[in-house]
Amino acid sequence: MRLAATVLSLGVALFGCSESITEPDEVEVVMQVIEETQFASNLRIDLTAMTKLQSGVYIQTLSGGDPYALEAAIGRVVVIGIEGWLADGTRWTSRDEQLFLGATSTIRGLEDALLGMLPGEQRLAVIPPHRAYGRLPHLNQQGAVIVPAGSIVIFKIYLHQVTEV
């Protein structure tokens, strides 16, 4: 019994204080707010023409898809083409990607924007930081920051294909 009390005391001493320790070079991250952001004119963002999802992601259908095809849903695999920008108009990505919805490592806001899309559909998505990269910067393969911490990301998404698993 004494051993258990000692272990418990040691655990509290070791782990109970760890939250108050801060790194000297820690920087406060300012999270961008979609509704307060002035978007670059080349992005043609009009929040009043978009639908705000419960997650805070804004979406706008730019062109419809095949109404007889499978729609993007959790548990299905999608093949997409995406272009990504920052709110200031800086393009930071353009690629094709295959994702397993519900079990992928992509940002949650992109998955939010994909749900319900049909093959052939094109959609614009404005994703708040908490559904994008949050308080961490996103780095390229060389280690350079391509999406600063706290940033809104904008995607133009083209859904090529949806398949059942």
N, C-alpha and C. Protein backbone atom coordinates (compact mmCIF):
# COMPACT_ATOMS: atom_id res chain seq x y z
N MET A 1 0.83 -1.18 0.00
CA MET A 1 0.00 0.00 0.00
C MET A 1 0.88 1.25 0.00
N ARG A 2 1.97 1.22 0.80
CA ARG A 2 2.88 2.37 0.83
C ARG A 2 3.54 2.58 -0.53
N LEU A 3 3.86 1.46 -1.20
CA LEU A 3 4.48 1.55 -2.52
C LEU A 3 3.52 2.22 -3.51
N ALA A 4 2.25 1.86 -3.46
CA ALA A 4 1.25 2.46 -4.35
C ALA A 4 1.13 3.96 -4.09
N ALA A 5 1.14 4.36 -2.83
CA ALA A 5 1.04 5.78 -2.49
C ALA A 5 2.28 6.54 -2.97
N THR A 6 3.44 5.91 -2.83
CA THR A 6 4.68 6.54 -3.29
C THR A 6 4.67 6.71 -4.80
N VAL A 7 4.24 5.67 -5.52
CA VAL A 7 4.18 5.74 -6.98
C VAL A 7 3.19 6.81 -7.41
N LEU A 8 2.03 6.88 -6.74
CA LEU A 8 1.03 7.89 -7.06
C LEU A 8 1.58 9.29 -6.81
N SER A 9 2.26 9.49 -5.69
CA SER A 9 2.85 10.80 -5.39
C SER A 9 3.91 11.18 -6.41
N LEU A 10 4.72 10.22 -6.79
CA LEU A 10 5.76 10.46 -7.77
C LEU A 10 5.13 10.82 -9.12
N GLY A 11 4.07 10.11 -9.49
CA GLY A 11 3.36 10.40 -10.75
C GLY A 11 2.80 11.80 -10.76
N VAL A 12 2.19 12.22 -9.66
CA VAL A 12 1.64 13.58 -9.57
C VAL A 12 2.76 14.59 -9.64
N ALA A 13 3.86 14.31 -8.97
CA ALA A 13 4.99 15.24 -8.97
C ALA A 13 5.59 15.37 -10.37
N LEU A 14 5.70 14.25 -11.08
CA LEU A 14 6.31 14.28 -12.41
C LEU A 14 5.38 14.85 -13.47
N PHE A 15 4.13 14.42 -13.47
CA PHE A 15 3.22 14.77 -14.55
C PHE A 15 2.30 15.93 -14.23
N GLY A 16 2.04 16.18 -12.98
CA GLY A 16 1.14 17.26 -12.61
C GLY A 16 1.71 18.63 -12.92
N CYS A 17 3.01 18.76 -12.96
CA CYS A 17 3.64 20.06 -13.21
C CYS A 17 3.97 20.28 -14.67
N SER A 18 3.89 19.26 -15.48
CA SER A 18 4.37 19.38 -16.85
C SER A 18 3.60 20.39 -17.68
N GLU A 19 2.36 20.67 -17.36
CA GLU A 19 1.57 21.61 -18.14
C GLU A 19 2.04 23.06 -17.96
N SER A 20 2.67 23.35 -16.86
CA SER A 20 3.07 24.73 -16.61
C SER A 20 4.43 25.07 -17.22
N ILE A 21 5.11 24.10 -17.77
CA ILE A 21 6.41 24.34 -18.38
C ILE A 21 6.21 24.90 -19.78
N THR A 22 6.87 26.00 -20.08
CA THR A 22 6.78 26.57 -21.43
C THR A 22 8.17 26.72 -22.01
N GLU A 23 8.24 26.59 -23.30
CA GLU A 23 9.50 26.76 -24.00
C GLU A 23 9.77 28.26 -24.17
N PRO A 24 11.00 28.70 -24.02
CA PRO A 24 11.32 30.12 -24.15
C PRO A 24 11.06 30.67 -25.56
N ASP A 25 11.14 29.83 -26.59
CA ASP A 25 10.94 30.33 -27.95
C ASP A 25 9.51 30.09 -28.46
N GLU A 26 8.60 29.75 -27.54
CA GLU A 26 7.21 29.49 -27.92
C GLU A 26 6.55 30.78 -28.40
N VAL A 27 5.89 30.71 -29.54
CA VAL A 27 5.25 31.87 -30.15
C VAL A 27 3.74 31.66 -30.16
N GLU A 28 3.02 32.71 -29.80
CA GLU A 28 1.56 32.61 -29.84
C GLU A 28 1.10 32.63 -31.29
N VAL A 29 0.23 31.68 -31.64
CA VAL A 29 -0.28 31.58 -33.00
C VAL A 29 -1.61 32.32 -33.09
N VAL A 30 -1.71 33.21 -34.06
CA VAL A 30 -2.96 33.93 -34.30
C VAL A 30 -3.73 33.14 -35.36
N MET A 31 -4.93 32.71 -35.00
CA MET A 31 -5.75 31.92 -35.92
C MET A 31 -6.60 32.86 -36.77
N GLN A 32 -6.51 32.74 -38.08
CA GLN A 32 -7.32 33.56 -38.97
C GLN A 32 -8.80 33.18 -38.82
N VAL A 33 -9.68 34.16 -38.98
CA VAL A 33 -11.13 33.95 -38.89
C VAL A 33 -11.71 34.23 -40.28
N ILE A 34 -12.41 33.26 -40.83
CA ILE A 34 -12.92 33.38 -42.20
C ILE A 34 -13.73 34.65 -42.39
N GLU A 35 -14.68 34.90 -41.51
CA GLU A 35 -15.59 36.03 -41.68
C GLU A 35 -14.90 37.39 -41.51
N GLU A 36 -13.70 37.41 -40.97
CA GLU A 36 -12.95 38.66 -40.77
C GLU A 36 -11.81 38.82 -41.77
N THR A 37 -11.69 37.89 -42.70
CA THR A 37 -10.55 37.88 -43.62
C THR A 37 -10.89 38.55 -44.94
N GLN A 38 -9.96 39.37 -45.41
CA GLN A 38 -10.07 39.97 -46.74
C GLN A 38 -9.32 39.02 -47.69
N PHE A 39 -10.05 38.31 -48.53
CA PHE A 39 -9.44 37.36 -49.45
C PHE A 39 -8.92 38.07 -50.69
N ALA A 40 -7.83 37.54 -51.25
CA ALA A 40 -7.27 38.10 -52.48
C ALA A 40 -8.32 38.04 -53.58
N SER A 41 -8.37 39.06 -54.41
CA SER A 41 -9.40 39.16 -55.45
C SER A 41 -9.33 38.02 -56.46
N ASN A 42 -8.12 37.48 -56.72
CA ASN A 42 -7.99 36.39 -57.69
C ASN A 42 -8.68 35.10 -57.22
N LEU A 43 -9.01 35.00 -55.94
CA LEU A 43 -9.67 33.80 -55.42
C LEU A 43 -11.18 33.83 -55.67
N ARG A 44 -11.72 35.01 -55.87
CA ARG A 44 -13.16 35.18 -56.13
C ARG A 44 -14.01 34.51 -55.04
N ILE A 45 -13.67 34.78 -53.79
CA ILE A 45 -14.41 34.24 -52.66
C ILE A 45 -15.57 35.18 -52.33
N ASP A 46 -16.78 34.65 -52.34
CA ASP A 46 -17.98 35.39 -51.95
C ASP A 46 -18.70 34.53 -50.92
N LEU A 47 -18.46 34.79 -49.65
CA LEU A 47 -19.03 33.96 -48.58
C LEU A 47 -20.55 33.93 -48.63
N THR A 48 -21.18 34.99 -49.12
CA THR A 48 -22.65 35.03 -49.18
C THR A 48 -23.20 34.04 -50.21
N ALA A 49 -22.37 33.62 -51.16
CA ALA A 49 -22.80 32.65 -52.17
C ALA A 49 -22.44 31.22 -51.78
N MET A 50 -21.85 31.07 -50.60
CA MET A 50 -21.39 29.75 -50.16
C MET A 50 -22.28 29.21 -49.05
N THR A 51 -22.19 27.91 -48.84
CA THR A 51 -22.89 27.24 -47.76
C THR A 51 -21.90 26.99 -46.63
N LYS A 52 -22.27 27.38 -45.42
CA LYS A 52 -21.40 27.13 -44.26
C LYS A 52 -21.83 25.82 -43.62
N LEU A 53 -20.91 24.86 -43.58
CA LEU A 53 -21.17 23.58 -42.94
C LEU A 53 -21.07 23.72 -41.43
N GLN A 54 -21.61 22.75 -40.72
CA GLN A 54 -21.57 22.76 -39.26
C GLN A 54 -20.14 22.85 -38.73
N SER A 55 -19.20 22.31 -39.46
CA SER A 55 -17.79 22.32 -39.05
C SER A 55 -17.12 23.68 -39.19
N GLY A 56 -17.80 24.62 -39.87
CA GLY A 56 -17.21 25.93 -40.12
C GLY A 56 -16.60 26.06 -41.50
N VAL A 57 -16.57 24.97 -42.26
CA VAL A 57 -16.07 24.98 -43.63
C VAL A 57 -17.14 25.58 -44.54
N TYR A 58 -16.71 26.46 -45.44
CA TYR A 58 -17.61 27.03 -46.45
C TYR A 58 -17.40 26.28 -47.76
N ILE A 59 -18.51 25.93 -48.44
CA ILE A 59 -18.40 25.26 -49.74
C ILE A 59 -19.30 25.95 -50.76
N GLN A 60 -18.89 25.83 -52.02
CA GLN A 60 -19.69 26.34 -53.13
C GLN A 60 -19.49 25.39 -54.32
N THR A 61 -20.59 24.88 -54.87
CA THR A 61 -20.51 24.03 -56.04
C THR A 61 -20.31 24.92 -57.26
N LEU A 62 -19.24 24.65 -58.01
CA LEU A 62 -18.92 25.43 -59.20
C LEU A 62 -19.49 24.78 -60.46
N SER A 63 -19.54 23.45 -60.47
CA SER A 63 -20.17 22.71 -61.57
C SER A 63 -20.64 21.37 -61.02
N GLY A 64 -21.78 20.92 -61.51
CA GLY A 64 -22.39 19.69 -61.01
C GLY A 64 -21.71 18.44 -61.54
N GLY A 65 -22.03 17.33 -60.88
CA GLY A 65 -21.48 16.05 -61.27
C GLY A 65 -22.55 15.12 -61.80
N ASP A 66 -22.21 13.87 -61.94
CA ASP A 66 -23.09 12.84 -62.47
C ASP A 66 -24.08 12.41 -61.38
N PRO A 67 -25.38 12.75 -61.53
CA PRO A 67 -26.35 12.43 -60.48
C PRO A 67 -26.62 10.94 -60.31
N TYR A 68 -26.16 10.11 -61.25
CA TYR A 68 -26.39 8.67 -61.18
C TYR A 68 -25.19 7.91 -60.62
N ALA A 69 -24.13 8.62 -60.31
CA ALA A 69 -22.91 7.98 -59.81
C ALA A 69 -22.91 7.94 -58.28
N LEU A 70 -21.99 7.16 -57.73
CA LEU A 70 -21.81 7.11 -56.28
C LEU A 70 -21.32 8.47 -55.78
N GLU A 71 -21.87 8.93 -54.66
CA GLU A 71 -21.38 10.18 -54.08
C GLU A 71 -20.28 9.88 -53.08
N ALA A 72 -19.45 10.86 -52.84
CA ALA A 72 -18.37 10.74 -51.86
C ALA A 72 -18.98 10.61 -50.47
N ALA A 73 -18.57 9.56 -49.75
CA ALA A 73 -19.10 9.29 -48.41
C ALA A 73 -18.04 8.56 -47.59
N ILE A 74 -18.18 8.62 -46.29
CA ILE A 74 -17.26 7.91 -45.39
C ILE A 74 -17.25 6.43 -45.78
N GLY A 75 -16.05 5.86 -45.87
CA GLY A 75 -15.90 4.46 -46.22
C GLY A 75 -15.68 4.22 -47.71
N ARG A 76 -15.71 5.28 -48.50
CA ARG A 76 -15.46 5.16 -49.94
C ARG A 76 -14.12 5.80 -50.29
N VAL A 77 -13.57 5.36 -51.42
CA VAL A 77 -12.30 5.90 -51.91
C VAL A 77 -12.61 6.91 -53.01
N VAL A 78 -11.98 8.07 -52.93
CA VAL A 78 -12.17 9.11 -53.95
C VAL A 78 -10.83 9.45 -54.59
N VAL A 79 -10.90 9.81 -55.86
CA VAL A 79 -9.74 10.34 -56.57
C VAL A 79 -10.10 11.77 -56.92
N ILE A 80 -9.27 12.70 -56.47
CA ILE A 80 -9.56 14.13 -56.64
C ILE A 80 -8.38 14.86 -57.26
N GLY A 81 -8.69 15.98 -57.86
CA GLY A 81 -7.68 16.95 -58.26
C GLY A 81 -7.91 18.17 -57.38
N ILE A 82 -6.86 18.70 -56.79
CA ILE A 82 -7.03 19.88 -55.93
C ILE A 82 -5.99 20.93 -56.25
N GLU A 83 -6.41 22.17 -56.06
CA GLU A 83 -5.51 23.32 -56.07
C GLU A 83 -5.74 24.01 -54.73
N GLY A 84 -4.66 24.41 -54.08
CA GLY A 84 -4.78 25.04 -52.77
C GLY A 84 -4.13 26.40 -52.72
N TRP A 85 -4.80 27.34 -52.03
CA TRP A 85 -4.31 28.70 -51.88
C TRP A 85 -4.40 29.14 -50.43
N LEU A 86 -3.64 30.16 -50.10
CA LEU A 86 -3.79 30.88 -48.85
C LEU A 86 -4.72 32.06 -49.11
N ALA A 87 -5.22 32.68 -48.06
CA ALA A 87 -6.16 33.80 -48.20
C ALA A 87 -5.57 34.97 -48.97
N ASP A 88 -4.24 35.11 -48.96
CA ASP A 88 -3.60 36.22 -49.68
C ASP A 88 -3.43 35.93 -51.18
N GLY A 89 -3.91 34.77 -51.63
CA GLY A 89 -3.83 34.42 -53.04
C GLY A 89 -2.64 33.57 -53.42
N THR A 90 -1.77 33.26 -52.47
CA THR A 90 -0.60 32.42 -52.74
C THR A 90 -1.03 30.98 -52.98
N ARG A 91 -0.69 30.45 -54.16
CA ARG A 91 -0.99 29.04 -54.45
C ARG A 91 0.12 28.19 -53.85
N TRP A 92 -0.28 27.18 -53.06
CA TRP A 92 0.72 26.37 -52.38
C TRP A 92 0.69 24.89 -52.78
N THR A 93 -0.35 24.48 -53.53
CA THR A 93 -0.38 23.09 -53.99
C THR A 93 -1.27 22.95 -55.21
N SER A 94 -0.97 21.94 -56.01
CA SER A 94 -1.80 21.53 -57.14
C SER A 94 -1.42 20.08 -57.42
N ARG A 95 -2.37 19.18 -57.19
CA ARG A 95 -2.03 17.76 -57.32
C ARG A 95 -3.30 16.91 -57.44
N ASP A 96 -3.11 15.68 -57.87
CA ASP A 96 -4.16 14.67 -57.82
C ASP A 96 -3.86 13.79 -56.62
N GLU A 97 -4.92 13.28 -56.02
CA GLU A 97 -4.75 12.51 -54.79
C GLU A 97 -5.86 11.48 -54.68
N GLN A 98 -5.54 10.34 -54.08
CA GLN A 98 -6.54 9.32 -53.77
C GLN A 98 -6.69 9.28 -52.25
N LEU A 99 -7.93 9.34 -51.78
CA LEU A 99 -8.20 9.36 -50.34
C LEU A 99 -9.24 8.31 -49.98
N PHE A 100 -9.04 7.68 -48.83
CA PHE A 100 -10.04 6.78 -48.26
C PHE A 100 -10.76 7.59 -47.20
N LEU A 101 -11.98 8.01 -47.51
CA LEU A 101 -12.71 8.91 -46.61
C LEU A 101 -13.03 8.24 -45.28
N GLY A 102 -12.70 8.91 -44.20
CA GLY A 102 -12.93 8.39 -42.86
C GLY A 102 -11.72 7.70 -42.27
N ALA A 103 -10.72 7.40 -43.09
CA ALA A 103 -9.54 6.69 -42.59
C ALA A 103 -8.28 7.22 -43.26
N THR A 104 -8.25 8.49 -43.55
CA THR A 104 -7.12 9.07 -44.25
C THR A 104 -6.44 10.12 -43.38
N SER A 105 -5.25 10.48 -43.76
CA SER A 105 -4.52 11.46 -42.97
C SER A 105 -4.67 12.88 -43.52
N THR A 106 -5.62 13.09 -44.42
CA THR A 106 -5.82 14.43 -44.96
C THR A 106 -6.45 15.34 -43.90
N ILE A 107 -6.41 16.63 -44.14
CA ILE A 107 -7.01 17.55 -43.18
C ILE A 107 -8.52 17.34 -43.13
N ARG A 108 -9.09 17.52 -41.96
CA ARG A 108 -10.51 17.25 -41.75
C ARG A 108 -11.41 18.13 -42.59
N GLY A 109 -11.02 19.37 -42.81
CA GLY A 109 -11.84 20.29 -43.59
C GLY A 109 -11.96 19.88 -45.05
N LEU A 110 -10.92 19.28 -45.61
CA LEU A 110 -11.00 18.79 -46.99
C LEU A 110 -11.99 17.64 -47.06
N GLU A 111 -11.93 16.76 -46.09
CA GLU A 111 -12.90 15.65 -46.05
C GLU A 111 -14.32 16.18 -45.89
N ASP A 112 -14.52 17.18 -45.03
CA ASP A 112 -15.84 17.81 -44.88
C ASP A 112 -16.36 18.29 -46.23
N ALA A 113 -15.49 18.96 -46.98
CA ALA A 113 -15.88 19.54 -48.27
C ALA A 113 -16.18 18.48 -49.32
N LEU A 114 -15.54 17.32 -49.22
CA LEU A 114 -15.74 16.26 -50.20
C LEU A 114 -17.05 15.50 -50.03
N LEU A 115 -17.53 15.39 -48.80
CA LEU A 115 -18.72 14.58 -48.53
C LEU A 115 -19.91 15.07 -49.35
N GLY A 116 -20.55 14.14 -50.04
CA GLY A 116 -21.72 14.47 -50.85
C GLY A 116 -21.40 14.85 -52.28
N MET A 117 -20.12 15.02 -52.61
CA MET A 117 -19.77 15.37 -53.99
C MET A 117 -20.00 14.18 -54.92
N LEU A 118 -20.26 14.49 -56.18
CA LEU A 118 -20.46 13.49 -57.22
C LEU A 118 -19.32 13.55 -58.22
N PRO A 119 -18.95 12.42 -58.84
CA PRO A 119 -17.91 12.45 -59.87
C PRO A 119 -18.24 13.49 -60.95
N GLY A 120 -17.24 14.27 -61.32
CA GLY A 120 -17.43 15.33 -62.29
C GLY A 120 -17.73 16.68 -61.65
N GLU A 121 -18.06 16.67 -60.37
CA GLU A 121 -18.39 17.92 -59.66
C GLU A 121 -17.12 18.69 -59.32
N GLN A 122 -17.25 20.01 -59.36
CA GLN A 122 -16.16 20.89 -58.95
C GLN A 122 -16.68 21.77 -57.83
N ARG A 123 -15.90 21.90 -56.78
CA ARG A 123 -16.34 22.62 -55.59
C ARG A 123 -15.21 23.51 -55.07
N LEU A 124 -15.60 24.66 -54.53
CA LEU A 124 -14.67 25.56 -53.87
C LEU A 124 -14.89 25.41 -52.37
N ALA A 125 -13.82 25.31 -51.60
CA ALA A 125 -13.92 25.15 -50.15
C ALA A 125 -13.00 26.15 -49.45
N VAL A 126 -13.55 26.83 -48.44
CA VAL A 126 -12.77 27.73 -47.59
C VAL A 126 -12.75 27.07 -46.22
N ILE A 127 -11.55 26.70 -45.77
CA ILE A 127 -11.40 25.87 -44.58
C ILE A 127 -10.74 26.66 -43.45
N PRO A 128 -11.42 26.74 -42.29
CA PRO A 128 -10.84 27.47 -41.15
C PRO A 128 -9.64 26.71 -40.58
N PRO A 129 -8.75 27.41 -39.90
CA PRO A 129 -7.54 26.78 -39.37
C PRO A 129 -7.80 25.53 -38.53
N HIS A 130 -8.85 25.53 -37.70
CA HIS A 130 -9.08 24.37 -36.83
C HIS A 130 -9.48 23.12 -37.60
N ARG A 131 -9.85 23.24 -38.88
CA ARG A 131 -10.16 22.09 -39.73
C ARG A 131 -9.08 21.90 -40.79
N ALA A 132 -8.01 22.73 -40.72
CA ALA A 132 -6.89 22.63 -41.66
C ALA A 132 -5.65 22.15 -40.89
N TYR A 133 -4.64 22.99 -40.80
CA TYR A 133 -3.40 22.60 -40.12
C TYR A 133 -3.29 23.15 -38.71
N GLY A 134 -4.29 23.94 -38.30
CA GLY A 134 -4.36 24.42 -36.93
C GLY A 134 -3.18 25.28 -36.53
N ARG A 135 -2.64 25.00 -35.37
CA ARG A 135 -1.55 25.80 -34.80
C ARG A 135 -0.16 25.40 -35.30
N LEU A 136 -0.14 24.43 -36.21
CA LEU A 136 1.15 23.98 -36.75
C LEU A 136 1.29 24.43 -38.20
N PRO A 137 2.49 24.80 -38.62
CA PRO A 137 2.69 25.11 -40.03
C PRO A 137 2.71 23.82 -40.85
N HIS A 138 2.37 23.92 -42.12
CA HIS A 138 2.47 22.78 -43.03
C HIS A 138 3.73 22.99 -43.86
N LEU A 139 4.58 21.98 -43.89
CA LEU A 139 5.88 22.09 -44.55
C LEU A 139 5.91 21.29 -45.85
N ASN A 140 6.72 21.74 -46.81
CA ASN A 140 6.92 20.94 -48.01
C ASN A 140 8.00 19.89 -47.74
N GLN A 141 8.36 19.12 -48.75
CA GLN A 141 9.33 18.03 -48.57
C GLN A 141 10.73 18.54 -48.20
N GLN A 142 11.02 19.79 -48.52
CA GLN A 142 12.32 20.37 -48.18
C GLN A 142 12.32 21.01 -46.79
N GLY A 143 11.17 21.01 -46.12
CA GLY A 143 11.08 21.57 -44.78
C GLY A 143 10.71 23.05 -44.73
N ALA A 144 10.40 23.64 -45.88
CA ALA A 144 10.00 25.05 -45.92
C ALA A 144 8.51 25.17 -45.61
N VAL A 145 8.14 26.22 -44.90
CA VAL A 145 6.74 26.46 -44.55
C VAL A 145 5.98 26.87 -45.81
N ILE A 146 4.91 26.13 -46.15
CA ILE A 146 4.07 26.52 -47.29
C ILE A 146 2.69 26.97 -46.83
N VAL A 147 2.28 26.55 -45.63
CA VAL A 147 1.05 27.05 -45.01
C VAL A 147 1.42 27.46 -43.58
N PRO A 148 1.44 28.76 -43.30
CA PRO A 148 1.78 29.20 -41.95
C PRO A 148 0.77 28.71 -40.91
N ALA A 149 1.22 28.56 -39.69
CA ALA A 149 0.34 28.18 -38.58
C ALA A 149 -0.83 29.15 -38.49
N GLY A 150 -2.02 28.63 -38.20
CA GLY A 150 -3.20 29.47 -38.01
C GLY A 150 -3.86 29.95 -39.28
N SER A 151 -3.47 29.39 -40.43
CA SER A 151 -3.97 29.88 -41.71
C SER A 151 -5.26 29.22 -42.17
N ILE A 152 -6.07 30.03 -42.83
CA ILE A 152 -7.21 29.54 -43.60
C ILE A 152 -6.63 28.96 -44.88
N VAL A 153 -7.18 27.84 -45.36
CA VAL A 153 -6.78 27.31 -46.66
C VAL A 153 -8.01 27.25 -47.57
N ILE A 154 -7.77 27.49 -48.85
CA ILE A 154 -8.82 27.47 -49.85
C ILE A 154 -8.47 26.38 -50.85
N PHE A 155 -9.44 25.53 -51.16
CA PHE A 155 -9.24 24.48 -52.16
C PHE A 155 -10.27 24.59 -53.26
N LYS A 156 -9.81 24.39 -54.49
CA LYS A 156 -10.70 24.11 -55.61
C LYS A 156 -10.56 22.61 -55.81
N ILE A 157 -11.67 21.90 -55.72
CA ILE A 157 -11.65 20.44 -55.73
C ILE A 157 -12.40 19.94 -56.96
N TYR A 158 -11.81 19.00 -57.68
CA TYR A 158 -12.49 18.32 -58.78
C TYR A 158 -12.54 16.85 -58.42
N LEU A 159 -13.75 16.29 -58.34
CA LEU A 159 -13.90 14.88 -57.99
C LEU A 159 -13.90 14.04 -59.26
N HIS A 160 -12.86 13.23 -59.42
CA HIS A 160 -12.72 12.38 -60.60
C HIS A 160 -13.52 11.09 -60.47
N GLN A 161 -13.40 10.44 -59.30
CA GLN A 161 -13.93 9.08 -59.18
C GLN A 161 -14.28 8.76 -57.73
N VAL A 162 -15.33 7.95 -57.54
CA VAL A 162 -15.71 7.42 -56.23
C VAL A 162 -15.88 5.92 -56.38
N THR A 163 -15.28 5.14 -55.47
CA THR A 163 -15.45 3.69 -55.51
C THR A 163 -15.75 3.16 -54.11
N GLU A 164 -16.50 2.06 -54.08
CA GLU A 164 -16.76 1.34 -52.83
C GLU A 164 -15.51 0.56 -52.47
N VAL A 165 -15.32 0.33 -51.20
CA VAL A 165 -14.18 -0.46 -50.74
C VAL A 165 -14.64 -1.88 -50.51
